[in-house]
């Protein structure tokens, strides 16, 4: 776990709440535009593929960083062999840094 994740108070919230903040903050779109940098932290085949996901789908965890190197989000995604994202078609946020506080969902992702 990166040290910066421990420096702000963490508020555990539902998946719906963290997704709302993720979408409102346009985190994924900011990665796509180059405003934020994404680093792949974990990549592998899931032990069991979720229903509807094609063979060779990868389970990935990524960290999103601001231009100053500050960690601002941790997401999970299923990446298909063709490069598209599975599930909802968007990354699933697990941790977000928002104005001096952090939001997180409890999960198996470290």
PDB file of N, CA and C in Angstrom:
ATOM      1  N   UNK A   1       0.854  -1.175   0.000  1.00  0.00           N
ATOM      2  CA  UNK A   1       0.000   0.000   0.000  1.00  0.00           C
ATOM      3  C   UNK A   1       0.898   1.235   0.000  1.00  0.00           C
ATOM      4  N   UNK A   2       0.734   2.158  -0.944  1.00  0.00           N
ATOM      5  CA  UNK A   2       1.559   3.363  -0.973  1.00  0.00           C
ATOM      6  C   UNK A   2       1.363   4.190   0.295  1.00  0.00           C
ATOM      7  N   UNK A   3       2.441   4.789   0.811  1.00  0.00           N
ATOM      8  CA  UNK A   3       2.330   5.558   2.059  1.00  0.00           C
ATOM      9  C   UNK A   3       1.289   6.661   1.998  1.00  0.00           C
ATOM     10  N   UNK A   4       1.116   7.327   0.857  1.00  0.00           N
ATOM     11  CA  UNK A   4       0.184   8.449   0.784  1.00  0.00           C
ATOM     12  C   UNK A   4      -1.253   8.026   1.057  1.00  0.00           C
ATOM     13  N   UNK A   5      -1.564   6.763   0.912  1.00  0.00           N
ATOM     14  CA  UNK A   5      -2.922   6.298   1.203  1.00  0.00           C
ATOM     15  C   UNK A   5      -3.191   6.300   2.703  1.00  0.00           C
ATOM     16  N   UNK A   6      -2.154   6.370   3.521  1.00  0.00           N
ATOM     17  CA  UNK A   6      -2.326   6.325   4.970  1.00  0.00           C
ATOM     18  C   UNK A   6      -2.325   7.700   5.619  1.00  0.00           C
ATOM     19  N   UNK A   7      -2.084   8.761   4.876  1.00  0.00           N
ATOM     20  CA  UNK A   7      -1.907  10.082   5.460  1.00  0.00           C
ATOM     21  C   UNK A   7      -3.193  10.885   5.597  1.00  0.00           C
ATOM     22  N   UNK A   8      -4.275  10.436   5.031  1.00  0.00           N
ATOM     23  CA  UNK A   8      -5.541  11.162   5.128  1.00  0.00           C
ATOM     24  C   UNK A   8      -6.595  10.260   5.765  1.00  0.00           C
ATOM     25  N   UNK A   9      -7.562  10.861   6.467  1.00  0.00           N
ATOM     26  CA  UNK A   9      -8.626  10.046   7.056  1.00  0.00           C
ATOM     27  C   UNK A   9      -9.395   9.296   5.963  1.00  0.00           C
ATOM     28  N   UNK A  10      -9.726   8.057   6.230  1.00  0.00           N
ATOM     29  CA  UNK A  10     -10.460   7.236   5.264  1.00  0.00           C
ATOM     30  C   UNK A  10     -11.895   7.075   5.734  1.00  0.00           C
ATOM     31  N   UNK A  11     -12.800   7.338   4.816  1.00  0.00           N
ATOM     32  CA  UNK A  11     -14.229   7.132   5.069  1.00  0.00           C
ATOM     33  C   UNK A  11     -14.675   5.957   4.198  1.00  0.00           C
ATOM     34  N   UNK A  12     -15.163   4.887   4.834  1.00  0.00           N
ATOM     35  CA  UNK A  12     -15.640   3.744   4.073  1.00  0.00           C
ATOM     36  C   UNK A  12     -17.068   4.023   3.617  1.00  0.00           C
ATOM     37  N   UNK A  13     -17.286   3.855   2.309  1.00  0.00           N
ATOM     38  CA  UNK A  13     -18.571   4.175   1.697  1.00  0.00           C
ATOM     39  C   UNK A  13     -19.016   3.006   0.822  1.00  0.00           C
ATOM     40  N   UNK A  14     -20.250   3.075   0.361  1.00  0.00           N
ATOM     41  CA  UNK A  14     -20.774   2.034  -0.533  1.00  0.00           C
ATOM     42  C   UNK A  14     -20.148   2.170  -1.914  1.00  0.00           C
ATOM     43  N   UNK A  15     -20.251   1.116  -2.687  1.00  0.00           N
ATOM     44  CA  UNK A  15     -19.761   1.153  -4.066  1.00  0.00           C
ATOM     45  C   UNK A  15     -20.480   2.237  -4.862  1.00  0.00           C
ATOM     46  N   UNK A  16     -21.769   2.426  -4.618  1.00  0.00           N
ATOM     47  CA  UNK A  16     -22.535   3.447  -5.344  1.00  0.00           C
ATOM     48  C   UNK A  16     -22.001   4.846  -5.052  1.00  0.00           C
ATOM     49  N   UNK A  17     -21.670   5.128  -3.801  1.00  0.00           N
ATOM     50  CA  UNK A  17     -21.171   6.453  -3.419  1.00  0.00           C
ATOM     51  C   UNK A  17     -19.808   6.720  -4.048  1.00  0.00           C
ATOM     52  N   UNK A  18     -18.887   5.748  -3.970  1.00  0.00           N
ATOM     53  CA  UNK A  18     -17.552   5.989  -4.527  1.00  0.00           C
ATOM     54  C   UNK A  18     -17.617   6.109  -6.050  1.00  0.00           C
ATOM     55  N   UNK A  19     -18.493   5.343  -6.693  1.00  0.00           N
ATOM     56  CA  UNK A  19     -18.649   5.459  -8.146  1.00  0.00           C
ATOM     57  C   UNK A  19     -19.199   6.826  -8.534  1.00  0.00           C
ATOM     58  N   UNK A  20     -20.124   7.340  -7.748  1.00  0.00           N
ATOM     59  CA  UNK A  20     -20.677   8.662  -8.029  1.00  0.00           C
ATOM     60  C   UNK A  20     -19.568   9.717  -7.997  1.00  0.00           C
ATOM     61  N   UNK A  21     -18.729   9.692  -6.968  1.00  0.00           N
ATOM     62  CA  UNK A  21     -17.629  10.653  -6.866  1.00  0.00           C
ATOM     63  C   UNK A  21     -16.612  10.450  -7.989  1.00  0.00           C
ATOM     64  N   UNK A  22     -16.333   9.203  -8.331  1.00  0.00           N
ATOM     65  CA  UNK A  22     -15.402   8.882  -9.412  1.00  0.00           C
ATOM     66  C   UNK A  22     -15.913   9.455 -10.733  1.00  0.00           C
ATOM     67  N   UNK A  23     -17.193   9.246 -11.003  1.00  0.00           N
ATOM     68  CA  UNK A  23     -17.779   9.739 -12.251  1.00  0.00           C
ATOM     69  C   UNK A  23     -17.873  11.261 -12.267  1.00  0.00           C
ATOM     70  N   UNK A  24     -18.296  11.861 -11.150  1.00  0.00           N
ATOM     71  CA  UNK A  24     -18.398  13.324 -11.087  1.00  0.00           C
ATOM     72  C   UNK A  24     -17.031  13.987 -11.230  1.00  0.00           C
ATOM     73  N   UNK A  25     -15.981  13.357 -10.705  1.00  0.00           N
ATOM     74  CA  UNK A  25     -14.628  13.891 -10.813  1.00  0.00           C
ATOM     75  C   UNK A  25     -13.960  13.589 -12.143  1.00  0.00           C
ATOM     76  N   UNK A  26     -14.637  12.812 -12.986  1.00  0.00           N
ATOM     77  CA  UNK A  26     -14.153  12.471 -14.328  1.00  0.00           C
ATOM     78  C   UNK A  26     -12.733  11.881 -14.302  1.00  0.00           C
ATOM     79  N   UNK A  27     -12.467  11.046 -13.284  1.00  0.00           N
ATOM     80  CA  UNK A  27     -11.137  10.465 -13.118  1.00  0.00           C
ATOM     81  C   UNK A  27     -10.714   9.659 -14.350  1.00  0.00           C
ATOM     82  N   UNK A  28     -11.586   8.784 -14.819  1.00  0.00           N
ATOM     83  CA  UNK A  28     -11.220   7.934 -15.959  1.00  0.00           C
ATOM     84  C   UNK A  28     -11.002   8.776 -17.210  1.00  0.00           C
ATOM     85  N   UNK A  29     -11.864   9.739 -17.447  1.00  0.00           N
ATOM     86  CA  UNK A  29     -11.722  10.606 -18.617  1.00  0.00           C
ATOM     87  C   UNK A  29     -10.418  11.411 -18.530  1.00  0.00           C
ATOM     88  N   UNK A  30     -10.028  11.790 -17.323  1.00  0.00           N
ATOM     89  CA  UNK A  30      -8.785  12.534 -17.135  1.00  0.00           C
ATOM     90  C   UNK A  30      -7.561  11.656 -17.405  1.00  0.00           C
ATOM     91  N   UNK A  31      -7.655  10.358 -17.132  1.00  0.00           N
ATOM     92  CA  UNK A  31      -6.582   9.433 -17.506  1.00  0.00           C
ATOM     93  C   UNK A  31      -6.512   9.345 -19.021  1.00  0.00           C
ATOM     94  N   UNK A  32      -7.657   9.193 -19.661  1.00  0.00           N
ATOM     95  CA  UNK A  32      -7.696   9.061 -21.113  1.00  0.00           C
ATOM     96  C   UNK A  32      -7.158  10.306 -21.821  1.00  0.00           C
ATOM     97  N   UNK A  33      -7.370  11.475 -21.222  1.00  0.00           N
ATOM     98  CA  UNK A  33      -6.900  12.728 -21.842  1.00  0.00           C
ATOM     99  C   UNK A  33      -5.435  13.023 -21.525  1.00  0.00           C
ATOM    100  N   UNK A  34      -4.845  12.270 -20.588  1.00  0.00           N
ATOM    101  CA  UNK A  34      -3.457  12.492 -20.215  1.00  0.00           C
ATOM    102  C   UNK A  34      -3.287  13.432 -19.033  1.00  0.00           C
ATOM    103  N   UNK A  35      -4.377  13.928 -18.474  1.00  0.00           N
ATOM    104  CA  UNK A  35      -4.316  14.811 -17.307  1.00  0.00           C
ATOM    105  C   UNK A  35      -3.852  14.042 -16.070  1.00  0.00           C
ATOM    106  N   UNK A  36      -4.202  12.764 -15.969  1.00  0.00           N
ATOM    107  CA  UNK A  36      -3.762  11.878 -14.889  1.00  0.00           C
ATOM    108  C   UNK A  36      -2.975  10.726 -15.500  1.00  0.00           C
ATOM    109  N   UNK A  37      -2.073  10.150 -14.715  1.00  0.00           N
ATOM    110  CA  UNK A  37      -1.270   9.012 -15.168  1.00  0.00           C
ATOM    111  C   UNK A  37      -1.762   7.748 -14.467  1.00  0.00           C
ATOM    112  N   UNK A  38      -1.923   6.687 -15.229  1.00  0.00           N
ATOM    113  CA  UNK A  38      -2.337   5.398 -14.673  1.00  0.00           C
ATOM    114  C   UNK A  38      -1.160   4.438 -14.699  1.00  0.00           C
ATOM    115  N   UNK A  39      -0.904   3.783 -13.564  1.00  0.00           N
ATOM    116  CA  UNK A  39       0.132   2.759 -13.463  1.00  0.00           C
ATOM    117  C   UNK A  39      -0.527   1.434 -13.118  1.00  0.00           C
ATOM    118  N   UNK A  40      -0.219   0.431 -13.903  1.00  0.00           N
ATOM    119  CA  UNK A  40      -0.734  -0.915 -13.676  1.00  0.00           C
ATOM    120  C   UNK A  40       0.005  -1.532 -12.492  1.00  0.00           C
ATOM    121  N   UNK A  41      -0.740  -1.914 -11.454  1.00  0.00           N
ATOM    122  CA  UNK A  41      -0.141  -2.488 -10.249  1.00  0.00           C
ATOM    123  C   UNK A  41      -0.335  -3.992 -10.152  1.00  0.00           C
ATOM    124  N   UNK A  42      -1.408  -4.498 -10.715  1.00  0.00           N
ATOM    125  CA  UNK A  42      -1.667  -5.942 -10.682  1.00  0.00           C
ATOM    126  C   UNK A  42      -2.371  -6.314 -11.964  1.00  0.00           C
ATOM    127  N   UNK A  43      -1.947  -7.425 -12.560  1.00  0.00           N
ATOM    128  CA  UNK A  43      -2.520  -7.863 -13.824  1.00  0.00           C
ATOM    129  C   UNK A  43      -2.434  -9.382 -13.885  1.00  0.00           C
ATOM    130  N   UNK A  44      -3.560 -10.035 -14.048  1.00  0.00           N
ATOM    131  CA  UNK A  44      -3.541 -11.485 -14.163  1.00  0.00           C
ATOM    132  C   UNK A  44      -4.907 -12.021 -14.514  1.00  0.00           C
ATOM    133  N   UNK A  45      -4.932 -13.299 -14.794  1.00  0.00           N
ATOM    134  CA  UNK A  45      -6.202 -13.957 -15.078  1.00  0.00           C
ATOM    135  C   UNK A  45      -6.926 -14.230 -13.767  1.00  0.00           C
ATOM    136  N   UNK A  46      -8.203 -13.862 -13.673  1.00  0.00           N
ATOM    137  CA  UNK A  46      -8.937 -14.161 -12.432  1.00  0.00           C
ATOM    138  C   UNK A  46      -9.086 -15.670 -12.253  1.00  0.00           C
ATOM    139  N   UNK A  47      -9.132 -16.102 -11.009  1.00  0.00           N
ATOM    140  CA  UNK A  47      -9.303 -17.529 -10.717  1.00  0.00           C
ATOM    141  C   UNK A  47     -10.588 -18.046 -11.349  1.00  0.00           C
ATOM    142  N   UNK A  48     -11.632 -17.241 -11.294  1.00  0.00           N
ATOM    143  CA  UNK A  48     -12.911 -17.568 -11.911  1.00  0.00           C
ATOM    144  C   UNK A  48     -13.362 -16.349 -12.699  1.00  0.00           C
ATOM    145  N   UNK A  49     -13.649 -16.564 -13.978  1.00  0.00           N
ATOM    146  CA  UNK A  49     -14.122 -15.449 -14.803  1.00  0.00           C
ATOM    147  C   UNK A  49     -15.543 -15.060 -14.415  1.00  0.00           C
ATOM    148  N   UNK A  50     -15.801 -13.772 -14.262  1.00  0.00           N
ATOM    149  CA  UNK A  50     -17.181 -13.340 -14.033  1.00  0.00           C
ATOM    150  C   UNK A  50     -18.053 -13.719 -15.228  1.00  0.00           C
ATOM    151  N   UNK A  51     -19.319 -13.940 -14.983  1.00  0.00           N
ATOM    152  CA  UNK A  51     -20.251 -14.320 -16.042  1.00  0.00           C
ATOM    153  C   UNK A  51     -20.203 -13.300 -17.171  1.00  0.00           C
ATOM    154  N   UNK A  52     -20.165 -13.791 -18.394  1.00  0.00           N
ATOM    155  CA  UNK A  52     -20.208 -12.934 -19.566  1.00  0.00           C
ATOM    156  C   UNK A  52     -18.860 -12.407 -20.026  1.00  0.00           C
ATOM    157  N   UNK A  53     -17.795 -12.664 -19.271  1.00  0.00           N
ATOM    158  CA  UNK A  53     -16.478 -12.176 -19.672  1.00  0.00           C
ATOM    159  C   UNK A  53     -15.795 -13.235 -20.550  1.00  0.00           C
ATOM    160  N   UNK A  54     -15.158 -12.798 -21.653  1.00  0.00           N
ATOM    161  CA  UNK A  54     -14.525 -13.763 -22.551  1.00  0.00           C
ATOM    162  C   UNK A  54     -13.248 -14.362 -21.970  1.00  0.00           C
ATOM    163  N   UNK A  55     -12.863 -15.502 -22.497  1.00  0.00           N
ATOM    164  CA  UNK A  55     -11.615 -16.144 -22.127  1.00  0.00           C
ATOM    165  C   UNK A  55     -10.454 -15.170 -22.347  1.00  0.00           C
ATOM    166  N   UNK A  56      -9.440 -15.247 -21.525  1.00  0.00           N
ATOM    167  CA  UNK A  56      -8.246 -14.385 -21.562  1.00  0.00           C
ATOM    168  C   UNK A  56      -8.513 -12.967 -21.067  1.00  0.00           C
ATOM    169  N   UNK A  57      -9.640 -12.754 -20.380  1.00  0.00           N
ATOM    170  CA  UNK A  57      -9.883 -11.469 -19.725  1.00  0.00           C
ATOM    171  C   UNK A  57      -8.928 -11.357 -18.545  1.00  0.00           C
ATOM    172  N   UNK A  58      -8.354 -10.183 -18.357  1.00  0.00           N
ATOM    173  CA  UNK A  58      -7.432  -9.942 -17.248  1.00  0.00           C
ATOM    174  C   UNK A  58      -8.105  -9.111 -16.164  1.00  0.00           C
ATOM    175  N   UNK A  59      -7.817  -9.450 -14.930  1.00  0.00           N
ATOM    176  CA  UNK A  59      -8.224  -8.666 -13.770  1.00  0.00           C
ATOM    177  C   UNK A  59      -7.053  -7.735 -13.464  1.00  0.00           C
ATOM    178  N   UNK A  60      -7.319  -6.420 -13.431  1.00  0.00           N
ATOM    179  CA  UNK A  60      -6.247  -5.439 -13.249  1.00  0.00           C
ATOM    180  C   UNK A  60      -6.558  -4.458 -12.129  1.00  0.00           C
ATOM    181  N   UNK A  61      -5.525  -4.068 -11.411  1.00  0.00           N
ATOM    182  CA  UNK A  61      -5.604  -2.976 -10.450  1.00  0.00           C
ATOM    183  C   UNK A  61      -4.654  -1.891 -10.937  1.00  0.00           C
ATOM    184  N   UNK A  62      -5.158  -0.653 -10.989  1.00  0.00           N
ATOM    185  CA  UNK A  62      -4.358   0.480 -11.435  1.00  0.00           C
ATOM    186  C   UNK A  62      -4.398   1.584 -10.396  1.00  0.00           C
ATOM    187  N   UNK A  63      -3.284   2.309 -10.268  1.00  0.00           N
ATOM    188  CA  UNK A  63      -3.225   3.520  -9.469  1.00  0.00           C
ATOM    189  C   UNK A  63      -3.252   4.701 -10.422  1.00  0.00           C
ATOM    190  N   UNK A  64      -4.016   5.731 -10.080  1.00  0.00           N
ATOM    191  CA  UNK A  64      -4.055   6.970 -10.854  1.00  0.00           C
ATOM    192  C   UNK A  64      -3.298   8.033 -10.075  1.00  0.00           C
ATOM    193  N   UNK A  65      -2.418   8.771 -10.772  1.00  0.00           N
ATOM    194  CA  UNK A  65      -1.594   9.796 -10.154  1.00  0.00           C
ATOM    195  C   UNK A  65      -1.810  11.144 -10.819  1.00  0.00           C
ATOM    196  N   UNK A  66      -1.781  12.199  -9.998  1.00  0.00           N
ATOM    197  CA  UNK A  66      -1.806  13.570 -10.501  1.00  0.00           C
ATOM    198  C   UNK A  66      -0.421  13.895 -11.069  1.00  0.00           C
ATOM    199  N   UNK A  67      -0.297  15.023 -11.766  1.00  0.00           N
ATOM    200  CA  UNK A  67       0.973  15.409 -12.381  1.00  0.00           C
ATOM    201  C   UNK A  67       2.077  15.617 -11.345  1.00  0.00           C
ATOM    202  N   UNK A  68       1.719  15.918 -10.096  1.00  0.00           N
ATOM    203  CA  UNK A  68       2.718  16.096  -9.039  1.00  0.00           C
ATOM    204  C   UNK A  68       3.121  14.767  -8.380  1.00  0.00           C
ATOM    205  N   UNK A  69       2.599  13.657  -8.888  1.00  0.00           N
ATOM    206  CA  UNK A  69       2.928  12.334  -8.362  1.00  0.00           C
ATOM    207  C   UNK A  69       2.039  11.861  -7.231  1.00  0.00           C
ATOM    208  N   UNK A  70       1.064  12.681  -6.838  1.00  0.00           N
ATOM    209  CA  UNK A  70       0.159  12.308  -5.752  1.00  0.00           C
ATOM    210  C   UNK A  70      -0.810  11.220  -6.211  1.00  0.00           C
ATOM    211  N   UNK A  71      -0.936  10.176  -5.399  1.00  0.00           N
ATOM    212  CA  UNK A  71      -1.904   9.117  -5.662  1.00  0.00           C
ATOM    213  C   UNK A  71      -3.300   9.672  -5.427  1.00  0.00           C
ATOM    214  N   UNK A  72      -4.174   9.572  -6.438  1.00  0.00           N
ATOM    215  CA  UNK A  72      -5.519  10.117  -6.261  1.00  0.00           C
ATOM    216  C   UNK A  72      -6.624   9.088  -6.447  1.00  0.00           C
ATOM    217  N   UNK A  73      -6.299   7.901  -6.973  1.00  0.00           N
ATOM    218  CA  UNK A  73      -7.335   6.876  -7.123  1.00  0.00           C
ATOM    219  C   UNK A  73      -6.695   5.500  -7.289  1.00  0.00           C
ATOM    220  N   UNK A  74      -7.425   4.492  -6.825  1.00  0.00           N
ATOM    221  CA  UNK A  74      -7.087   3.094  -7.078  1.00  0.00           C
ATOM    222  C   UNK A  74      -8.344   2.467  -7.663  1.00  0.00           C
ATOM    223  N   UNK A  75      -8.187   1.806  -8.816  1.00  0.00           N
ATOM    224  CA  UNK A  75      -9.335   1.212  -9.493  1.00  0.00           C
ATOM    225  C   UNK A  75      -9.062  -0.240  -9.840  1.00  0.00           C
ATOM    226  N   UNK A  76     -10.146  -0.969 -10.063  1.00  0.00           N
ATOM    227  CA  UNK A  76     -10.074  -2.337 -10.570  1.00  0.00           C
ATOM    228  C   UNK A  76     -10.815  -2.366 -11.896  1.00  0.00           C
ATOM    229  N   UNK A  77     -10.345  -3.191 -12.815  1.00  0.00           N
ATOM    230  CA  UNK A  77     -11.050  -3.346 -14.090  1.00  0.00           C
ATOM    231  C   UNK A  77     -10.784  -4.732 -14.663  1.00  0.00           C
ATOM    232  N   UNK A  78     -11.722  -5.167 -15.487  1.00  0.00           N
ATOM    233  CA  UNK A  78     -11.534  -6.378 -16.277  1.00  0.00           C
ATOM    234  C   UNK A  78     -11.225  -5.929 -17.691  1.00  0.00           C
ATOM    235  N   UNK A  79     -10.059  -6.332 -18.200  1.00  0.00           N
ATOM    236  CA  UNK A  79      -9.658  -5.931 -19.548  1.00  0.00           C
ATOM    237  C   UNK A  79      -9.750  -7.133 -20.479  1.00  0.00           C
ATOM    238  N   UNK A  80     -10.535  -6.964 -21.535  1.00  0.00           N
ATOM    239  CA  UNK A  80     -10.728  -8.025 -22.527  1.00  0.00           C
ATOM    240  C   UNK A  80      -9.517  -8.117 -23.450  1.00  0.00           C
ATOM    241  N   UNK A  81      -9.364  -9.247 -24.137  1.00  0.00           N
ATOM    242  CA  UNK A  81      -8.242  -9.403 -25.077  1.00  0.00           C
ATOM    243  C   UNK A  81      -8.214  -8.319 -26.172  1.00  0.00           C
ATOM    244  N   UNK A  82      -9.380  -7.775 -26.528  1.00  0.00           N
ATOM    245  CA  UNK A  82      -9.422  -6.733 -27.563  1.00  0.00           C
ATOM    246  C   UNK A  82      -9.134  -5.337 -27.013  1.00  0.00           C
ATOM    247  N   UNK A  83      -8.858  -5.234 -25.705  1.00  0.00           N
ATOM    248  CA  UNK A  83      -8.540  -3.948 -25.088  1.00  0.00           C
ATOM    249  C   UNK A  83      -9.727  -3.246 -24.452  1.00  0.00           C
ATOM    250  N   UNK A  84     -10.936  -3.705 -24.733  1.00  0.00           N
ATOM    251  CA  UNK A  84     -12.120  -3.084 -24.128  1.00  0.00           C
ATOM    252  C   UNK A  84     -12.231  -3.517 -22.665  1.00  0.00           C
ATOM    253  N   UNK A  85     -13.009  -2.763 -21.897  1.00  0.00           N
ATOM    254  CA  UNK A  85     -13.202  -3.092 -20.491  1.00  0.00           C
ATOM    255  C   UNK A  85     -14.482  -3.876 -20.297  1.00  0.00           C
ATOM    256  N   UNK A  86     -14.421  -4.858 -19.412  1.00  0.00           N
ATOM    257  CA  UNK A  86     -15.581  -5.688 -19.120  1.00  0.00           C
ATOM    258  C   UNK A  86     -16.449  -5.074 -18.045  1.00  0.00           C
ATOM    259  N   UNK A  87     -17.351  -5.867 -17.537  1.00  0.00           N
ATOM    260  CA  UNK A  87     -18.278  -5.398 -16.502  1.00  0.00           C
ATOM    261  C   UNK A  87     -19.121  -4.268 -17.027  1.00  0.00           C
ATOM    262  N   UNK A  88     -19.058  -3.125 -16.367  1.00  0.00           N
ATOM    263  CA  UNK A  88     -19.843  -1.958 -16.779  1.00  0.00           C
ATOM    264  C   UNK A  88     -19.216  -1.232 -17.968  1.00  0.00           C
ATOM    265  N   UNK A  89     -17.991  -1.619 -18.340  1.00  0.00           N
ATOM    266  CA  UNK A  89     -17.276  -0.920 -19.404  1.00  0.00           C
ATOM    267  C   UNK A  89     -16.453   0.243 -18.879  1.00  0.00           C
ATOM    268  N   UNK A  90     -16.398   0.383 -17.553  1.00  0.00           N
ATOM    269  CA  UNK A  90     -15.641   1.456 -16.904  1.00  0.00           C
ATOM    270  C   UNK A  90     -14.842   0.860 -15.741  1.00  0.00           C
ATOM    271  N   UNK A  91     -13.749   1.510 -15.359  1.00  0.00           N
ATOM    272  CA  UNK A  91     -13.028   1.057 -14.168  1.00  0.00           C
ATOM    273  C   UNK A  91     -13.916   1.167 -12.931  1.00  0.00           C
ATOM    274  N   UNK A  92     -13.649   0.322 -11.952  1.00  0.00           N
ATOM    275  CA  UNK A  92     -14.415   0.287 -10.711  1.00  0.00           C
ATOM    276  C   UNK A  92     -13.549   0.868  -9.592  1.00  0.00           C
ATOM    277  N   UNK A  93     -13.853   2.080  -9.107  1.00  0.00           N
ATOM    278  CA  UNK A  93     -13.011   2.702  -8.085  1.00  0.00           C
ATOM    279  C   UNK A  93     -13.096   1.968  -6.747  1.00  0.00           C
ATOM    280  N   UNK A  94     -11.935   1.868  -6.098  1.00  0.00           N
ATOM    281  CA  UNK A  94     -11.852   1.233  -4.781  1.00  0.00           C
ATOM    282  C   UNK A  94     -11.380   2.216  -3.712  1.00  0.00           C
ATOM    283  N   UNK A  95     -10.667   3.277  -4.139  1.00  0.00           N
ATOM    284  CA  UNK A  95     -10.135   4.283  -3.225  1.00  0.00           C
ATOM    285  C   UNK A  95      -9.987   5.591  -3.989  1.00  0.00           C
ATOM    286  N   UNK A  96     -10.411   6.714  -3.408  1.00  0.00           N
ATOM    287  CA  UNK A  96     -10.290   8.033  -4.024  1.00  0.00           C
ATOM    288  C   UNK A  96      -9.790   9.044  -3.005  1.00  0.00           C
ATOM    289  N   UNK A  97      -8.940   9.949  -3.451  1.00  0.00           N
ATOM    290  CA  UNK A  97      -8.516  11.079  -2.644  1.00  0.00           C
ATOM    291  C   UNK A  97      -9.341  12.289  -3.065  1.00  0.00           C
ATOM    292  N   UNK A  98     -10.047  12.873  -2.095  1.00  0.00           N
ATOM    293  CA  UNK A  98     -10.922  14.013  -2.382  1.00  0.00           C
ATOM    294  C   UNK A  98     -10.720  15.106  -1.336  1.00  0.00           C
ATOM    295  N   UNK A  99     -10.111  16.192  -1.709  1.00  0.00           N
ATOM    296  CA  UNK A  99     -10.002  17.382  -0.846  1.00  0.00           C
ATOM    297  C   UNK A  99      -9.603  17.063   0.594  1.00  0.00           C
ATOM    298  N   UNK A 100      -8.477  16.398   0.767  1.00  0.00           N
ATOM    299  CA  UNK A 100      -7.977  16.139   2.111  1.00  0.00           C
ATOM    300  C   UNK A 100      -8.603  14.966   2.829  1.00  0.00           C
ATOM    301  N   UNK A 101      -9.411  14.201   2.153  1.00  0.00           N
ATOM    302  CA  UNK A 101      -9.976  12.990   2.749  1.00  0.00           C
ATOM    303  C   UNK A 101      -9.943  11.891   1.707  1.00  0.00           C
ATOM    304  N   UNK A 102     -10.160  10.691   2.136  1.00  0.00           N
ATOM    305  CA  UNK A 102     -10.157   9.554   1.227  1.00  0.00           C
ATOM    306  C   UNK A 102     -11.445   8.772   1.384  1.00  0.00           C
ATOM    307  N   UNK A 103     -11.954   8.302   0.266  1.00  0.00           N
ATOM    308  CA  UNK A 103     -13.107   7.408   0.258  1.00  0.00           C
ATOM    309  C   UNK A 103     -12.606   6.036  -0.159  1.00  0.00           C
ATOM    310  N   UNK A 104     -13.146   5.005   0.461  1.00  0.00           N
ATOM    311  CA  UNK A 104     -12.747   3.648   0.117  1.00  0.00           C
ATOM    312  C   UNK A 104     -13.914   2.702   0.295  1.00  0.00           C
ATOM    313  N   UNK A 105     -13.859   1.611  -0.456  1.00  0.00           N
ATOM    314  CA  UNK A 105     -14.793   0.498  -0.251  1.00  0.00           C
ATOM    315  C   UNK A 105     -13.974  -0.657   0.274  1.00  0.00           C
ATOM    316  N   UNK A 106     -14.569  -1.455   1.111  1.00  0.00           N
ATOM    317  CA  UNK A 106     -13.867  -2.639   1.597  1.00  0.00           C
ATOM    318  C   UNK A 106     -13.881  -3.671   0.472  1.00  0.00           C
ATOM    319  N   UNK A 107     -12.705  -4.227   0.201  1.00  0.00           N
ATOM    320  CA  UNK A 107     -12.611  -5.216  -0.870  1.00  0.00           C
ATOM    321  C   UNK A 107     -11.389  -6.087  -0.661  1.00  0.00           C
ATOM    322  N   UNK A 108     -11.260  -7.060  -1.538  1.00  0.00           N
ATOM    323  CA  UNK A 108     -10.099  -7.951  -1.481  1.00  0.00           C
ATOM    324  C   UNK A 108      -8.894  -7.316  -2.151  1.00  0.00           C
ATOM    325  N   UNK A 109      -9.092  -6.276  -2.944  1.00  0.00           N
ATOM    326  CA  UNK A 109      -8.008  -5.645  -3.675  1.00  0.00           C
ATOM    327  C   UNK A 109      -7.127  -4.865  -2.712  1.00  0.00           C
ATOM    328  N   UNK A 110      -5.855  -5.067  -2.795  1.00  0.00           N
ATOM    329  CA  UNK A 110      -4.913  -4.428  -1.870  1.00  0.00           C
ATOM    330  C   UNK A 110      -4.194  -3.300  -2.561  1.00  0.00           C
TER     331      UNK A 110
END
